[in-house]
Protein backbone atom coordinates (compact mmCIF):
# COMPACT_ATOMS: atom_id res chain seq x y z
CA MET A 1 -6.58 -7.08 -14.45
CA ASN A 2 -3.81 -9.39 -13.21
CA THR A 3 -4.02 -13.18 -12.77
CA LYS A 4 -4.65 -12.99 -9.03
CA GLU A 5 -7.53 -10.50 -9.46
CA ILE A 6 -9.18 -12.67 -12.15
CA ILE A 7 -9.10 -15.66 -9.77
CA GLU A 8 -10.29 -13.57 -6.79
CA ASP A 9 -13.23 -12.16 -8.78
CA LYS A 10 -14.26 -15.60 -10.01
CA ILE A 11 -14.11 -17.01 -6.46
CA ALA A 12 -16.30 -14.13 -5.21
CA GLU A 13 -18.82 -14.81 -7.98
CA VAL A 14 -18.93 -18.55 -7.19
CA ILE A 15 -19.27 -17.90 -3.43
CA LYS A 16 -22.33 -15.70 -4.01
CA SER A 17 -24.05 -18.29 -6.22
CA VAL A 18 -23.11 -21.45 -4.26
CA PHE A 19 -23.73 -20.14 -0.75
CA GLN A 20 -26.73 -17.93 -1.69
CA ILE A 21 -25.38 -14.77 -0.05
CA ASP A 22 -27.85 -11.93 -0.65
CA ASP A 23 -27.21 -9.50 2.19
CA VAL A 24 -25.25 -6.51 0.80
CA ASN A 25 -22.87 -6.28 3.77
CA GLN A 26 -22.13 -9.98 3.55
CA ARG A 27 -21.69 -9.83 -0.23
CA ASN A 28 -19.02 -7.19 0.24
CA SER A 29 -17.03 -9.46 2.54
CA VAL A 30 -16.91 -12.55 0.32
CA LYS A 31 -13.88 -11.56 -1.78
CA LEU A 32 -11.21 -13.90 -0.48
CA GLU A 33 -7.57 -13.00 -0.86
CA VAL A 34 -5.62 -15.29 -3.14
CA GLN A 35 -1.87 -15.85 -2.78
CA GLN A 36 0.67 -17.72 -4.86
CA ASN A 37 1.02 -21.19 -3.31
CA LYS A 38 4.46 -21.44 -1.70
CA THR A 39 3.73 -24.64 0.27
CA GLY A 40 4.77 -28.17 -0.65
CA PHE A 41 1.15 -29.07 -1.51
CA GLU A 42 -0.02 -29.24 -5.11
CA GLY A 43 -1.57 -26.08 -6.50
CA ASP A 44 -0.60 -22.74 -8.01
CA PHE A 45 -2.71 -20.44 -5.83
CA THR A 46 -4.12 -20.62 -2.30
CA ALA A 47 -7.37 -19.07 -1.04
CA VAL A 48 -7.94 -18.67 2.70
CA THR A 49 -11.55 -19.53 3.60
CA PHE A 50 -11.56 -18.43 7.27
CA PRO A 51 -13.34 -15.06 6.60
CA LEU A 52 -16.42 -17.08 5.49
CA VAL A 53 -16.70 -19.15 8.68
CA LYS A 54 -18.68 -16.50 10.59
CA ILE A 55 -21.07 -15.86 7.69
CA LEU A 56 -21.74 -19.48 6.69
CA LYS A 57 -21.49 -21.11 10.16
CA LYS A 58 -19.50 -24.00 8.68
CA SER A 59 -15.98 -25.32 9.25
CA PRO A 60 -13.17 -23.94 7.07
CA ASP A 61 -12.50 -27.40 5.60
CA LEU A 62 -16.14 -27.92 4.57
CA ILE A 63 -16.33 -24.43 3.02
CA ALA A 64 -13.08 -25.05 1.10
CA MET A 65 -14.32 -28.45 -0.18
CA GLU A 66 -17.68 -27.03 -1.37
CA LEU A 67 -15.98 -24.03 -2.93
CA GLY A 68 -13.36 -26.22 -4.65
CA ASP A 69 -16.06 -28.51 -6.12
CA ALA A 70 -17.98 -25.50 -7.45
CA LEU A 71 -14.87 -23.85 -8.94
CA THR A 72 -13.88 -26.98 -10.89
CA THR A 73 -17.27 -26.93 -12.64
CA GLN A 74 -17.90 -23.16 -12.89
CA ALA A 75 -14.39 -21.75 -13.51
CA ASP A 76 -12.91 -22.91 -16.81
CA PHE A 77 -9.35 -22.22 -15.61
CA VAL A 78 -9.38 -24.51 -12.51
CA GLU A 79 -7.94 -27.95 -13.18
CA SER A 80 -8.07 -29.45 -9.68
CA PHE A 81 -7.97 -28.54 -5.98
CA ASN A 82 -7.00 -29.85 -2.56
CA VAL A 83 -7.82 -28.65 0.95
CA VAL A 84 -5.33 -28.39 3.80
CA LYS A 85 -6.69 -27.11 7.16
CA GLY A 86 -9.09 -24.64 5.60
CA PHE A 87 -6.68 -23.52 2.88
CA LEU A 88 -8.00 -24.12 -0.64
CA ASN A 89 -5.14 -24.89 -3.05
CA LEU A 90 -6.05 -24.45 -6.72
CA LYS A 91 -4.19 -25.96 -9.66
CA ILE A 92 -4.71 -23.72 -12.67
CA LYS A 93 -4.95 -25.00 -16.27
CA ASN A 94 -1.99 -24.53 -18.57
CA ARG A 95 -4.13 -22.65 -21.10
CA PHE A 96 -4.97 -19.94 -18.52
CA PHE A 97 -1.27 -19.20 -17.93
CA LEU A 98 -0.50 -19.08 -21.65
CA ASP A 99 -3.47 -16.80 -22.39
CA ASN A 100 -2.45 -14.47 -19.56
CA PHE A 101 1.16 -14.49 -20.70
CA ASN A 102 0.14 -13.41 -24.20
CA THR A 103 -2.21 -10.74 -22.79
CA VAL A 104 0.53 -9.31 -20.54
CA LYS A 105 2.91 -9.21 -23.53
CA GLU A 106 0.36 -7.40 -25.73
CA ASN A 107 -0.61 -4.88 -23.02
CA PHE A 108 2.84 -4.40 -21.51
CA ASP A 109 2.98 -0.66 -22.19
CA HIS A 110 -0.70 0.03 -21.63
CA ILE A 111 -1.47 2.35 -18.71
CA GLU A 112 -5.02 2.72 -17.45
CA LYS A 113 -5.44 6.45 -16.78
CA LYS A 114 -6.83 7.52 -13.41
CA ASN A 115 -7.66 11.07 -14.61
CA GLN A 116 -6.07 12.53 -11.48
CA THR A 117 -3.05 14.80 -11.23
CA VAL A 118 -0.53 14.56 -8.42
CA MET A 119 2.15 17.14 -7.68
CA VAL A 120 5.38 15.78 -6.20
CA GLU A 121 7.79 18.23 -4.57
CA TYR A 122 11.38 17.18 -4.02
CA SER A 123 14.94 18.52 -3.87
CA SER A 124 14.21 22.15 -2.79
CA PRO A 125 17.83 23.12 -1.99
CA ASN A 126 19.39 26.32 -0.66
CA THR A 127 21.42 28.41 -3.12
CA ASN A 128 24.38 28.87 -0.77
CA LYS A 129 26.03 25.47 -1.21
CA PRO A 130 26.19 22.40 -3.47
CA LEU A 131 23.92 19.37 -3.15
CA HIS A 132 24.97 16.70 -0.65
CA LEU A 133 24.28 13.07 0.26
CA GLY A 134 20.92 13.91 1.90
CA HIS A 135 19.80 15.65 -1.31
CA ILE A 136 20.63 12.48 -3.25
CA ARG A 137 18.19 10.39 -1.22
CA ASN A 138 15.59 13.16 -1.44
CA ASN A 139 15.89 13.55 -5.23
CA LEU A 140 15.92 9.83 -5.93
CA LEU A 141 12.87 9.24 -3.73
CA GLY A 142 10.85 12.12 -5.16
CA TYR A 143 11.72 11.33 -8.77
CA SER A 144 11.05 7.60 -8.34
CA VAL A 145 7.69 8.17 -6.62
CA ALA A 146 6.72 10.47 -9.52
CA GLN A 147 7.66 7.77 -12.10
CA ILE A 148 5.76 5.09 -10.16
CA LEU A 149 2.65 7.29 -9.93
CA LYS A 150 2.80 7.86 -13.71
CA GLU A 151 3.08 4.12 -14.33
CA ASP A 152 0.04 3.61 -12.09
CA GLY A 153 -2.04 5.95 -14.27
CA TYR A 154 -1.70 9.35 -12.59
CA ASP A 155 -0.69 12.54 -14.35
CA VAL A 156 2.26 13.97 -12.42
CA ILE A 157 3.79 17.42 -11.98
CA LYS A 158 7.34 17.30 -10.58
CA THR A 159 8.25 20.48 -8.75
CA GLN A 160 10.79 22.05 -6.44
CA ILE A 161 10.86 25.29 -4.47
CA ILE A 162 14.35 26.75 -4.29
CA ASN A 163 15.32 28.53 -1.08
CA ASP A 164 17.03 31.42 -2.83
CA ARG A 165 16.72 34.19 -0.23
CA GLY A 166 17.50 34.80 3.43
CA ILE A 167 20.47 35.42 5.66
CA HIS A 168 22.31 32.24 4.55
CA ILE A 169 22.30 33.47 0.92
CA CYS A 170 23.57 36.91 1.99
CA LYS A 171 26.48 35.28 3.82
CA SER A 172 27.86 33.84 0.55
CA MET A 173 27.20 37.11 -1.26
CA LEU A 174 28.97 39.23 1.35
CA ALA A 175 31.98 36.89 1.52
CA TRP A 176 32.37 37.05 -2.27
CA LYS A 177 32.07 40.84 -2.21
CA LYS A 178 34.71 41.15 0.53
CA TYR A 179 37.17 38.41 -0.45
CA GLY A 180 36.34 37.38 -4.03
CA ASN A 181 38.45 39.91 -5.94
CA GLY A 182 36.02 39.61 -8.85
CA GLU A 183 36.72 35.93 -9.52
CA THR A 184 34.01 33.76 -11.12
CA PRO A 185 33.32 30.06 -11.57
CA GLU A 186 34.67 30.41 -15.11
CA SER A 187 37.87 32.21 -14.12
CA THR A 188 38.62 29.60 -11.43
CA ALA A 189 37.31 26.60 -13.43
CA THR A 190 34.97 25.75 -10.54
CA LYS A 191 31.43 24.38 -10.75
CA GLY A 192 29.02 27.23 -9.94
CA ASP A 193 27.34 25.80 -6.84
CA LYS A 194 30.71 24.73 -5.36
CA PHE A 195 32.13 28.17 -6.10
CA VAL A 196 29.34 29.88 -4.13
CA GLY A 197 29.52 27.21 -1.42
CA ASN A 198 33.21 27.98 -0.93
CA TYR A 199 32.27 31.57 -0.06
CA TYR A 200 29.69 30.36 2.45
CA VAL A 201 32.53 28.45 4.14
CA GLU A 202 34.74 31.58 3.84
CA PHE A 203 32.07 33.66 5.59
CA ASP A 204 31.86 31.14 8.42
CA LYS A 205 35.65 31.11 8.85
CA ASN A 206 35.82 34.90 9.14
CA TYR A 207 32.72 35.05 11.34
CA LYS A 208 34.29 32.61 13.82
CA LYS A 209 37.52 34.65 13.79
CA GLU A 210 35.62 37.86 14.60
CA ILE A 211 33.65 36.16 17.40
CA ALA A 212 36.91 34.93 18.95
CA GLU A 213 38.39 38.45 18.78
CA LEU A 214 35.33 39.96 20.51
CA VAL A 215 35.46 37.29 23.23
CA THR A 216 39.10 38.24 23.95
CA GLN A 217 37.88 41.85 24.29
CA GLY A 218 35.50 40.79 27.08
CA TYR A 219 32.22 40.05 25.21
CA ASP A 220 30.37 36.89 26.21
CA GLU A 221 29.99 34.43 23.32
CA ASP A 222 26.28 35.10 22.64
CA ALA A 223 26.86 38.86 22.48
CA ALA A 224 29.92 38.33 20.26
CA LYS A 225 27.85 36.26 17.82
CA LYS A 226 25.34 39.11 17.55
CA GLN A 227 27.88 41.98 17.42
CA ALA A 228 30.50 40.53 15.04
CA PRO A 229 30.83 43.13 12.24
CA ILE A 230 30.49 40.56 9.45
CA ILE A 231 27.09 39.27 10.68
CA LEU A 232 25.82 42.83 11.04
CA GLU A 233 26.90 43.49 7.43
CA ALA A 234 25.09 40.33 6.26
CA GLN A 235 21.91 41.40 8.09
CA LYS A 236 22.10 44.85 6.48
CA MET A 237 22.55 43.20 3.07
CA LEU A 238 19.37 41.15 3.68
CA LEU A 239 17.42 44.34 4.53
CA ASP A 240 18.82 45.98 1.39
CA TRP A 241 17.73 42.95 -0.64
CA GLU A 242 14.20 43.18 0.80
CA LYS A 243 14.10 46.91 -0.09
CA GLY A 244 15.10 46.06 -3.67
CA ASN A 245 18.57 47.67 -3.56
CA GLU A 246 19.80 47.44 -7.17
CA GLU A 247 23.45 46.57 -6.43
CA VAL A 248 22.50 43.84 -3.93
CA ARG A 249 19.83 42.42 -6.25
CA ASN A 250 22.25 42.31 -9.20
CA LEU A 251 24.86 40.45 -7.15
CA TRP A 252 22.14 38.09 -5.86
CA ASN A 253 20.97 37.35 -9.42
CA GLU A 254 24.51 36.74 -10.66
CA MET A 255 25.49 34.38 -7.83
CA ASN A 256 22.22 32.46 -8.01
CA THR A 257 22.73 32.02 -11.76
CA TRP A 258 26.11 30.40 -11.01
CA VAL A 259 24.46 28.08 -8.50
CA TYR A 260 21.62 27.06 -10.87
CA GLU A 261 24.14 26.14 -13.56
CA GLY A 262 25.89 23.91 -11.02
CA PHE A 263 22.65 22.36 -9.78
CA GLY A 264 21.65 21.70 -13.40
CA GLN A 265 24.79 19.64 -13.98
CA THR A 266 24.19 17.61 -10.79
CA TYR A 267 20.53 16.98 -11.63
CA LYS A 268 21.43 15.92 -15.18
CA ARG A 269 24.00 13.41 -13.99
CA LEU A 270 21.68 12.10 -11.28
CA GLY A 271 18.94 11.72 -13.92
CA VAL A 272 16.23 13.82 -12.25
CA ASP A 273 14.21 16.69 -13.66
CA PHE A 274 11.32 19.04 -12.86
CA ASP A 275 8.22 20.27 -14.66
CA GLN A 276 7.96 23.39 -12.51
CA VAL A 277 10.37 25.39 -10.38
CA GLN A 278 9.29 27.89 -7.73
CA TYR A 279 11.54 30.35 -5.93
CA GLU A 280 11.20 31.39 -2.33
CA SER A 281 11.99 34.98 -3.38
CA ASN A 282 8.65 34.95 -5.24
CA THR A 283 6.65 33.13 -2.56
CA TYR A 284 7.92 34.39 0.80
CA LEU A 285 5.20 37.03 1.05
CA LEU A 286 2.44 34.53 0.26
CA GLY A 287 0.20 33.45 3.12
CA LYS A 288 -0.16 36.81 4.87
CA ASP A 289 -3.62 37.33 3.32
CA LEU A 290 -4.63 33.83 4.53
CA ILE A 291 -3.61 34.81 8.06
CA GLN A 292 -5.82 37.92 7.94
CA GLU A 293 -8.71 35.83 6.59
CA GLY A 294 -8.24 33.25 9.38
CA LEU A 295 -8.19 36.08 11.93
CA LEU A 296 -11.47 37.54 10.63
CA LYS A 297 -13.13 34.11 10.75
CA GLY A 298 -11.98 33.57 14.34
CA ILE A 299 -9.89 30.54 13.39
CA LEU A 300 -6.67 32.31 14.40
CA TYR A 301 -6.05 34.75 17.28
CA ARG A 302 -3.87 37.80 17.97
CA LYS A 303 -1.74 38.14 21.10
CA GLU A 304 -1.22 41.44 22.96
CA ASP A 305 2.11 42.02 21.20
CA GLY A 306 0.35 41.88 17.82
CA SER A 307 1.62 38.43 16.79
CA ILE A 308 -0.89 35.99 15.26
CA TRP A 309 -1.22 32.35 16.35
CA CYS A 310 -3.19 29.17 15.68
CA ASP A 311 -4.44 27.09 18.62
CA LEU A 312 -3.92 23.41 17.76
CA THR A 313 -4.40 22.01 21.28
CA ASP A 314 -7.66 20.34 20.16
CA GLU A 315 -5.50 18.39 17.64
CA GLY A 316 -3.07 17.27 20.33
CA LEU A 317 -0.49 19.89 19.32
CA ASP A 318 0.43 23.29 20.77
CA HIS A 319 -0.05 26.95 19.75
CA LYS A 320 1.70 27.84 16.51
CA LEU A 321 3.09 31.30 15.60
CA LEU A 322 2.07 32.39 12.09
CA LEU A 323 2.92 36.11 12.00
CA ARG A 324 5.48 37.89 14.19
CA SER A 325 4.57 41.05 16.14
CA ASP A 326 6.46 43.17 13.57
CA GLY A 327 4.25 41.73 10.80
CA THR A 328 6.93 39.50 9.25
CA SER A 329 6.02 35.95 8.31
CA VAL A 330 7.54 32.64 9.42
CA TYR A 331 8.20 29.56 7.25
CA MET A 332 4.79 28.14 8.11
CA THR A 333 3.04 31.25 6.73
CA GLN A 334 4.90 30.91 3.46
CA ASP A 335 4.15 27.17 3.19
CA LEU A 336 0.44 27.86 3.76
CA GLY A 337 0.44 30.41 0.94
CA THR A 338 2.47 28.21 -1.42
CA ALA A 339 0.10 25.24 -0.92
CA VAL A 340 -2.94 27.40 -1.69
CA GLN A 341 -1.22 28.88 -4.76
CA ARG A 342 -0.33 25.43 -6.09
CA PHE A 343 -3.92 24.22 -5.91
CA LYS A 344 -5.15 27.48 -7.47
CA GLU A 345 -2.73 27.44 -10.38
CA ASN A 346 -2.72 23.68 -11.13
CA ASN A 347 -5.59 21.25 -11.51
CA ILE A 348 -4.12 18.85 -8.94
CA GLN A 349 -5.87 16.40 -6.65
CA LYS A 350 -2.88 15.46 -4.47
CA LEU A 351 0.31 17.15 -3.30
CA ILE A 352 3.27 15.15 -1.95
CA TYR A 353 6.16 16.79 -0.09
CA THR A 354 9.42 14.80 -0.11
CA VAL A 355 11.17 16.10 3.00
CA GLY A 356 13.28 14.46 5.74
CA ASN A 357 11.68 13.18 8.94
CA GLU A 358 13.10 16.04 11.01
CA GLN A 359 10.23 18.07 9.51
CA ASP A 360 7.45 15.63 10.56
CA TYR A 361 6.03 18.11 13.10
CA HIS A 362 6.12 21.01 10.62
CA PHE A 363 4.01 19.16 8.06
CA ASP A 364 1.61 17.83 10.69
CA VAL A 365 0.97 21.45 11.73
CA LEU A 366 0.79 22.72 8.13
CA PHE A 367 -1.85 20.19 7.10
CA LYS A 368 -3.95 20.75 10.25
CA ILE A 369 -3.94 24.55 9.83
CA LEU A 370 -5.03 24.25 6.18
CA LYS A 371 -7.91 21.99 7.27
CA LYS A 372 -8.91 24.53 9.94
CA LEU A 373 -8.86 27.27 7.30
CA GLY A 374 -11.44 25.24 5.35
CA TYR A 375 -9.42 23.82 2.44
CA ASN A 376 -10.97 20.42 1.65
CA TRP A 377 -7.98 19.39 -0.45
CA ALA A 378 -5.86 19.44 2.73
CA GLU A 379 -7.02 15.81 3.15
CA ASN A 380 -4.93 15.02 0.05
CA LEU A 381 -1.63 16.44 1.25
CA TYR A 382 1.08 13.89 2.04
CA HIS A 383 4.47 14.19 3.66
CA LEU A 384 6.80 11.59 2.15
CA SER A 385 9.00 11.49 5.24
CA TYR A 386 12.33 9.72 5.03
CA GLY A 387 15.17 8.85 7.39
CA MET A 388 18.64 10.31 7.29
CA VAL A 389 21.37 8.64 5.25
CA GLU A 390 24.84 8.06 6.66
CA LEU A 391 28.13 6.63 5.44
CA PRO A 392 30.47 4.16 7.12
CA GLU A 393 33.02 5.97 9.30
CA GLY A 394 35.95 7.41 7.38
CA LYS A 395 34.28 7.38 3.95
CA MET A 396 33.86 10.41 1.68
CA LYS A 397 34.62 13.09 4.26
CA SER A 398 34.60 16.68 3.01
CA ARG A 399 36.94 19.47 4.13
CA GLU A 400 34.54 20.28 6.95
CA GLY A 401 34.46 16.63 7.94
CA THR A 402 30.70 16.25 7.92
CA VAL A 403 28.98 16.92 4.58
CA VAL A 404 29.31 14.45 1.71
CA ASP A 405 29.20 16.21 -1.65
CA ALA A 406 26.73 14.74 -4.18
CA ASP A 407 29.04 15.20 -7.19
CA ASP A 408 31.99 13.60 -5.38
CA LEU A 409 29.88 10.60 -4.36
CA MET A 410 28.56 10.09 -7.91
CA GLN A 411 32.09 10.28 -9.31
CA GLU A 412 33.36 7.76 -6.75
CA MET A 413 30.57 5.35 -7.77
CA VAL A 414 31.42 5.67 -11.49
CA ASP A 415 35.16 5.23 -10.79
CA THR A 416 34.41 2.10 -8.73
CA ALA A 417 32.24 0.69 -11.55
CA LYS A 418 35.15 1.26 -13.94
CA GLU A 419 37.59 -0.57 -11.63
CA LYS A 420 35.17 -3.51 -11.31
CA ALA A 421 34.63 -3.71 -15.09
CA GLU A 422 38.37 -3.62 -15.76
CA GLU A 423 38.92 -6.38 -13.18
CA LEU A 424 36.31 -8.58 -14.88
CA GLY A 425 37.60 -7.66 -18.36
CA LYS A 426 34.25 -8.07 -20.11
CA LEU A 427 34.11 -4.79 -22.05
CA GLU A 428 37.18 -5.19 -24.28
CA ASN A 429 35.29 -5.07 -27.58
CA LEU A 430 33.42 -1.85 -26.77
CA THR A 431 34.47 1.62 -27.88
CA GLU A 432 35.75 4.04 -25.21
CA GLU A 433 32.45 5.95 -25.44
CA GLU A 434 30.44 2.75 -24.89
CA LYS A 435 32.65 1.81 -21.94
CA GLU A 436 32.19 5.22 -20.30
CA LYS A 437 28.40 4.96 -20.74
CA SER A 438 28.50 1.52 -19.11
CA TYR A 439 30.56 2.75 -16.11
CA GLU A 440 28.15 5.67 -15.65
CA THR A 441 25.01 3.50 -15.87
CA VAL A 442 26.34 0.80 -13.56
CA GLY A 443 27.93 3.17 -11.01
CA LEU A 444 24.90 5.41 -10.67
CA GLY A 445 22.56 2.41 -10.87
CA ALA A 446 24.36 0.95 -7.84
CA LEU A 447 23.95 4.21 -5.93
CA LYS A 448 20.25 4.62 -6.81
CA TYR A 449 19.26 1.01 -6.17
CA PHE A 450 21.00 0.89 -2.79
CA MET A 451 19.26 4.12 -1.75
CA LEU A 452 15.81 3.08 -2.98
CA LYS A 453 15.65 -0.56 -1.86
CA VAL A 454 15.34 0.63 1.75
CA ASP A 455 11.92 1.63 3.12
CA PRO A 456 11.92 5.47 2.90
CA LYS A 457 10.94 5.83 6.57
CA LYS A 458 14.07 4.02 7.74
CA LYS A 459 17.39 5.68 8.49
CA MET A 460 19.99 4.08 6.26
CA LEU A 461 23.71 3.45 6.03
CA PHE A 462 24.99 3.84 2.46
CA ASN A 463 28.03 1.65 1.84
CA PRO A 464 29.52 2.49 -1.62
CA LYS A 465 31.58 -0.73 -1.78
CA GLU A 466 28.66 -2.99 -0.85
CA SER A 467 26.29 -1.21 -3.26
CA ILE A 468 28.42 -2.03 -6.33
CA ASP A 469 28.81 -5.75 -5.60
CA PHE A 470 27.78 -7.89 -8.56
CA ASN A 471 26.13 -10.42 -6.22
CA GLY A 472 23.16 -10.04 -3.89
CA ASN A 473 20.45 -7.40 -3.67
CA THR A 474 22.27 -4.71 -5.67
CA GLY A 475 21.75 -2.66 -8.82
CA PRO A 476 24.69 -4.22 -10.72
CA PHE A 477 23.41 -7.76 -9.98
CA ILE A 478 20.06 -6.83 -11.57
CA GLN A 479 21.68 -4.96 -14.48
CA TYR A 480 23.94 -7.98 -15.08
CA THR A 481 20.93 -10.30 -15.38
CA TYR A 482 19.33 -7.87 -17.85
CA ALA A 483 22.56 -7.83 -19.92
CA ARG A 484 22.69 -11.63 -19.85
CA ILE A 485 19.13 -11.78 -21.23
CA GLN A 486 20.01 -9.36 -24.06
CA SER A 487 23.07 -11.45 -24.92
CA LEU A 488 20.92 -14.61 -25.00
CA LEU A 489 18.31 -13.01 -27.28
CA ALA A 490 21.03 -11.71 -29.64
CA LYS A 491 22.69 -15.14 -29.89
CA ALA A 492 19.32 -16.77 -30.59
CA GLU A 493 18.46 -14.09 -33.21
CA TYR A 494 15.18 -13.81 -31.32
CA GLN A 495 12.01 -12.85 -33.23
CA GLU A 496 8.82 -12.39 -31.20
CA GLN A 497 6.11 -15.04 -31.67
CA LYS A 498 2.81 -15.92 -29.99
CA ILE A 499 2.87 -19.36 -28.34
CA SER A 500 -0.59 -20.91 -28.14
CA ASP A 501 0.18 -24.46 -27.09
CA TYR A 502 2.93 -25.47 -24.69
CA GLU A 503 3.14 -27.47 -21.46
CA ILE A 504 4.62 -25.12 -18.84
CA ASN A 505 6.92 -26.54 -16.14
CA ASP A 506 7.13 -25.33 -12.52
CA SER A 507 10.11 -22.96 -12.84
CA GLU A 508 8.59 -21.39 -15.98
CA LYS A 509 5.30 -21.00 -14.15
CA ASP A 510 7.00 -19.45 -11.11
CA LEU A 511 8.74 -16.88 -13.35
CA MET A 512 5.48 -16.12 -15.20
CA MET A 513 3.63 -15.49 -11.95
CA ASN A 514 6.37 -13.10 -10.86
CA ILE A 515 6.02 -11.18 -14.11
CA PHE A 516 2.20 -11.13 -13.75
CA ASN A 517 2.62 -9.40 -10.36
CA PHE A 518 4.41 -6.34 -11.79
CA LYS A 519 1.42 -4.01 -12.17
CA ASP A 520 0.07 -5.01 -8.76
CA VAL A 521 3.44 -4.14 -7.16
CA VAL A 522 3.47 -0.77 -8.98
CA SER A 523 -0.02 0.01 -7.63
CA LYS A 524 1.01 -0.88 -4.08
CA ALA A 525 4.18 1.22 -4.40
CA ALA A 526 2.11 4.17 -5.69
CA GLU A 527 -0.34 3.83 -2.81
CA SER A 528 2.36 3.58 -0.13
CA LEU A 529 4.80 6.01 -1.85
CA SER A 530 7.53 3.40 -1.48
CA PRO A 531 9.97 2.71 -4.36
CA ALA A 532 11.43 -0.01 -2.09
CA LEU A 533 8.52 -2.28 -3.11
CA VAL A 534 9.51 -1.98 -6.78
CA ALA A 535 13.23 -2.41 -6.04
CA ASN A 536 12.75 -5.58 -4.02
CA TYR A 537 10.22 -6.95 -6.54
CA ILE A 538 12.82 -6.63 -9.34
CA TYR A 539 15.38 -8.43 -7.18
CA GLU A 540 12.93 -11.33 -6.58
CA LEU A 541 12.10 -11.41 -10.32
CA VAL A 542 15.80 -11.62 -11.20
CA LYS A 543 16.34 -14.47 -8.70
CA SER A 544 13.36 -16.28 -10.23
CA TYR A 545 14.78 -15.78 -13.73
CA ASN A 546 18.24 -17.02 -12.71
CA SER A 547 16.67 -20.18 -11.24
CA PHE A 548 14.67 -20.68 -14.47
CA TYR A 549 17.82 -20.07 -16.58
CA GLN A 550 19.85 -22.64 -14.61
CA ASN A 551 17.15 -25.34 -14.89
CA ASN A 552 15.93 -24.89 -18.47
CA PRO A 553 18.19 -25.20 -21.52
CA ILE A 554 17.35 -22.51 -24.09
CA LEU A 555 19.89 -22.23 -26.93
CA LYS A 556 20.62 -26.00 -26.76
CA GLN A 557 16.93 -26.94 -26.52
CA ASP A 558 15.96 -29.30 -29.38
CA ASP A 559 12.19 -28.77 -29.07
CA ALA A 560 11.54 -25.67 -31.20
CA VAL A 561 8.35 -24.69 -29.30
CA ALA A 562 10.05 -25.00 -25.89
CA LYS A 563 13.02 -22.96 -27.13
CA GLN A 564 10.77 -20.20 -28.54
CA PHE A 565 8.62 -20.08 -25.40
CA ARG A 566 11.69 -19.75 -23.17
CA LEU A 567 12.97 -16.96 -25.39
CA GLU A 568 9.57 -15.23 -25.10
CA LEU A 569 9.73 -15.63 -21.33
CA SER A 570 13.29 -14.27 -21.26
CA ALA A 571 12.34 -11.28 -23.45
CA LEU A 572 9.36 -10.36 -21.26
CA THR A 573 11.49 -10.73 -18.11
CA GLY A 574 14.03 -8.36 -19.67
CA LYS A 575 11.33 -5.80 -20.52
CA THR A 576 9.95 -6.02 -16.97
CA ILE A 577 13.40 -5.56 -15.41
CA LYS A 578 14.09 -2.56 -17.68
CA LYS A 579 10.77 -0.90 -16.89
CA GLY A 580 11.10 -1.62 -13.17
CA LEU A 581 14.58 -0.12 -13.07
CA ALA A 582 13.39 2.92 -15.06
CA LEU A 583 10.80 3.56 -12.32
CA LEU A 584 13.78 3.88 -9.96
CA GLY A 585 15.59 6.18 -12.40
CA ILE A 586 18.11 3.41 -13.23
CA GLY A 587 19.35 2.63 -16.74
CA THR A 588 20.40 -0.66 -18.30
CA VAL A 589 23.31 -1.77 -20.49
CA ASP A 590 23.43 -4.67 -22.92
CA ARG A 591 26.95 -5.68 -21.87
CA MET A 592 28.71 -5.62 -18.51
């Protein structure tokens, strides 16, 4: 339990005894919210008494005075109080802060288990091209939410479903077969996913050429798109794949293997991983049995052409196609089946889909259909919807002029971190290996922090130059403060001690209260699925530490107890920064 909760619980207890509240409904409404006091009035915390006015039929000032008097006698941690327009400001005893500080230190790594398992799906790329800028935001969000949920006490299964089949995959395969001359990623020294992606681009180039030729022969453009020989070949290849044609399947396996090796390298560098991986080639037939079941129960209906639909007009939506007239499924059918399979095969209580906001309607429909089909767990499905990410004009343009490659962006960030470090000249005494590790940690930390500090729902502009600034709300600024703390502790030859008696000053107290808030912030971030809360908390903590550092001598402090306490406070701040950054998938370095 954090400091704020201890105070809130004690206030609730005192309210019940002092004001004789017996009615159950009223008792439930007497827990007043307590906030850190940011006003100029004396006091560490402020309680707002207005919610009690209706129940007690007294003025806010009178309630606050009576409550303050009672707390000074009944709560051993309240030193004094004052009342300002119904706001009760409480000054807390020094001993309470010290005791809490020592408790937080002792229980820093303790996680209270919730005995619930959450599955988080993220990434889920296509195997016809490399990962891009949008995938970076998706992966960082999904991975960070999974880490935050773990820290909040949930068991977590990280998963992705790879879109490894369909016409788009056949396009790359056919282009390689026609124009590849047997070359491989190894023979061309090309990363596997980029190698396959190049053939997707090659297909498109030849497809456009064939369309143009047909148009000159008198076809209209729509007919040319359908009749171009290369698209007809790709469609035949897809049918052959579905029939299990050995040659097509072997080529498909080989090219997908190249892509997975490439993806693996990108994931490793980005610092994300998965506990489970599903493949669309294994799941695309799922859901058809659910459709038949829904039809028998009268939940779904069949049209005259044989197609099957779900009427969602009672939910404020429209009619949704679930099975085509030829019996083939649509994406929705597959997603229904995959959701059911996941709950069958895993003991999960929640399932979170990390997918861009262009799919908001799709997930709204998916969840409503599952509820209609009678799956109670559909209440615990969440779409972690996020806005698109863009770059300033003229930055990081690919050959096609639109897609920003994930590997290229990561490399640019690391190169920029190296330039910055060389400008500052602070890594001279490190080995080359240590320097490279520092550039990697700082460069990717800048990228991750900039992506995650923004509310997921908001569209964002990623500015590489701004993200790697060593000042302001950036990853490097936070990492630099962490490195400064490690340097301080090393110089002081710090050894941990328990401080039982020390008079805390205001800047020390402010920093302590920020540290005490960490677990509460993690819980709120887990509830709202927003890593931005953790990112911005760490930034505020770092600002608080820098203010404390400027105003309190540490190494030159003559008082041994004051020096040791400030070292303890610095060490715990460092641990909190490190853990907070880890929840965002960001590393730390001891020197920058």
